[in-house]
C-alpha atoms as a PDB file:
ATOM      1  CA  MET A   1      19.786  15.608  10.839  1.00  0.00           C
ATOM      2  CA  LEU A   2      19.816  12.185   9.210  1.00  0.00           C
ATOM      3  CA  GLU A   3      23.066  10.393   8.479  1.00  0.00           C
ATOM      4  CA  ASN A   4      23.656   9.433   4.846  1.00  0.00           C
ATOM      5  CA  GLN A   5      22.783   5.766   5.477  1.00  0.00           C
ATOM      6  CA  ASP A   6      19.647   6.733   7.399  1.00  0.00           C
ATOM      7  CA  PHE A   7      18.668   9.121   4.610  1.00  0.00           C
ATOM      8  CA  ASN A   8      19.094   6.369   2.003  1.00  0.00           C
ATOM      9  CA  GLU A   9      17.008   3.983   4.117  1.00  0.00           C
ATOM     10  CA  LEU A  10      14.270   6.593   4.479  1.00  0.00           C
ATOM     11  CA  VAL A  11      14.259   7.209   0.725  1.00  0.00           C
ATOM     12  CA  SER A  12      13.955   3.457   0.165  1.00  0.00           C
ATOM     13  CA  ILE A  13      11.042   3.268   2.610  1.00  0.00           C
ATOM     14  CA  LEU A  14       9.300   6.193   0.902  1.00  0.00           C
ATOM     15  CA  GLU A  15       9.772   4.640  -2.536  1.00  0.00           C
ATOM     16  CA  ASN A  16       8.321   1.385  -1.234  1.00  0.00           C
ATOM     17  CA  GLU A  17       5.403   3.280   0.284  1.00  0.00           C
ATOM     18  CA  MET A  18       4.726   5.007  -3.023  1.00  0.00           C
ATOM     19  CA  LYS A  19       4.771   1.714  -4.966  1.00  0.00           C
ATOM     20  CA  THR A  20       2.532   0.021  -2.418  1.00  0.00           C
ATOM     21  CA  THR A  21       0.118   2.960  -2.434  1.00  0.00           C
ATOM     22  CA  LEU A  22      -0.139   2.745  -6.231  1.00  0.00           C
ATOM     23  CA  ILE A  23      -0.944  -0.969  -5.930  1.00  0.00           C
ATOM     24  CA  PHE A  24      -3.585  -0.115  -3.333  1.00  0.00           C
ATOM     25  CA  LEU A  25      -5.131   2.435  -5.708  1.00  0.00           C
ATOM     26  CA  GLU A  26      -5.227  -0.170  -8.489  1.00  0.00           C
ATOM     27  CA  ILE A  27      -7.040  -2.549  -6.148  1.00  0.00           C
ATOM     28  CA  LEU A  28      -9.540   0.179  -5.243  1.00  0.00           C
ATOM     29  CA  HIS A  29     -10.224   0.823  -8.920  1.00  0.00           C
ATOM     30  CA  GLU A  30     -10.703  -2.904  -9.476  1.00  0.00           C
ATOM     31  CA  GLU A  31     -13.054  -3.068  -6.498  1.00  0.00           C
ATOM     32  CA  ARG A  32     -15.072  -0.141  -7.865  1.00  0.00           C
ATOM     33  CA  GLU A  33     -15.392  -1.875 -11.243  1.00  0.00           C
ATOM     34  CA  ILE A  34     -16.551  -5.092  -9.593  1.00  0.00           C
ATOM     35  CA  LEU A  35     -19.136  -3.241  -7.527  1.00  0.00           C
ATOM     36  CA  THR A  36     -20.437  -1.107 -10.384  1.00  0.00           C
ATOM     37  CA  GLN A  37     -20.742  -4.158 -12.641  1.00  0.00           C
ATOM     38  CA  GLY A  38     -22.409  -6.215  -9.935  1.00  0.00           C
ATOM     39  CA  GLN A  39     -19.794  -8.978 -10.038  1.00  0.00           C
ATOM     40  CA  ILE A  40     -20.099  -9.749  -6.352  1.00  0.00           C
ATOM     41  CA  ASN A  41     -18.516 -13.217  -6.739  1.00  0.00           C
ATOM     42  CA  ASP A  42     -15.192 -11.549  -7.629  1.00  0.00           C
ATOM     43  CA  LEU A  43     -15.248  -9.335  -4.559  1.00  0.00           C
ATOM     44  CA  ASP A  44     -13.693 -11.795  -2.070  1.00  0.00           C
ATOM     45  CA  LYS A  45     -10.315 -11.864  -3.816  1.00  0.00           C
ATOM     46  CA  VAL A  46     -10.173  -8.084  -4.118  1.00  0.00           C
ATOM     47  CA  VAL A  47     -11.076  -7.608  -0.457  1.00  0.00           C
ATOM     48  CA  ALA A  48      -8.349 -10.086   0.553  1.00  0.00           C
ATOM     49  CA  ASP A  49      -5.814  -8.304  -1.668  1.00  0.00           C
ATOM     50  CA  LYS A  50      -6.850  -4.964  -0.205  1.00  0.00           C
ATOM     51  CA  ALA A  51      -6.438  -6.227   3.367  1.00  0.00           C
ATOM     52  CA  LYS A  52      -2.956  -7.543   2.551  1.00  0.00           C
ATOM     53  CA  ILE A  53      -1.872  -4.213   1.049  1.00  0.00           C
ATOM     54  CA  ILE A  54      -3.297  -2.298   4.006  1.00  0.00           C
ATOM     55  CA  ASP A  55      -1.184  -4.473   6.323  1.00  0.00           C
ATOM     56  CA  GLU A  56       1.871  -3.705   4.193  1.00  0.00           C
ATOM     57  CA  LEU A  57       1.131   0.023   4.294  1.00  0.00           C
ATOM     58  CA  GLU A  58       0.801  -0.099   8.083  1.00  0.00           C
ATOM     59  CA  ALA A  59       4.184  -1.823   8.361  1.00  0.00           C
ATOM     60  CA  ILE A  60       5.756   0.749   6.047  1.00  0.00           C
ATOM     61  CA  ASN A  61       4.214   3.535   8.121  1.00  0.00           C
ATOM     62  CA  GLU A  62       5.859   2.127  11.240  1.00  0.00           C
ATOM     63  CA  GLN A  63       9.228   1.984   9.457  1.00  0.00           C
ATOM     64  CA  ARG A  64       8.848   5.555   8.206  1.00  0.00           C
ATOM     65  CA  SER A  65       7.807   6.812  11.631  1.00  0.00           C
ATOM     66  CA  GLN A  66      11.127   5.668  13.080  1.00  0.00           C
ATOM     67  CA  TYR A  67      12.868   8.347  11.003  1.00  0.00           C
ATOM     68  CA  LEU A  68      10.505  11.216  11.716  1.00  0.00           C
END
């Protein structure tokens, strides 16, 4: 069973994961809008933002995995 401090750290990690996932979903919606409107010139920034968030989610996953 998790100690109180470990539990609080895990909750913090999960909250961060949820916030980051919501940001990722916003980026996906933005990417969909760009693609459906044919605004290909705007795609580079969105793809870069998406890659950055994916890296953050991978790091969060590693942190979370330490507790499971």
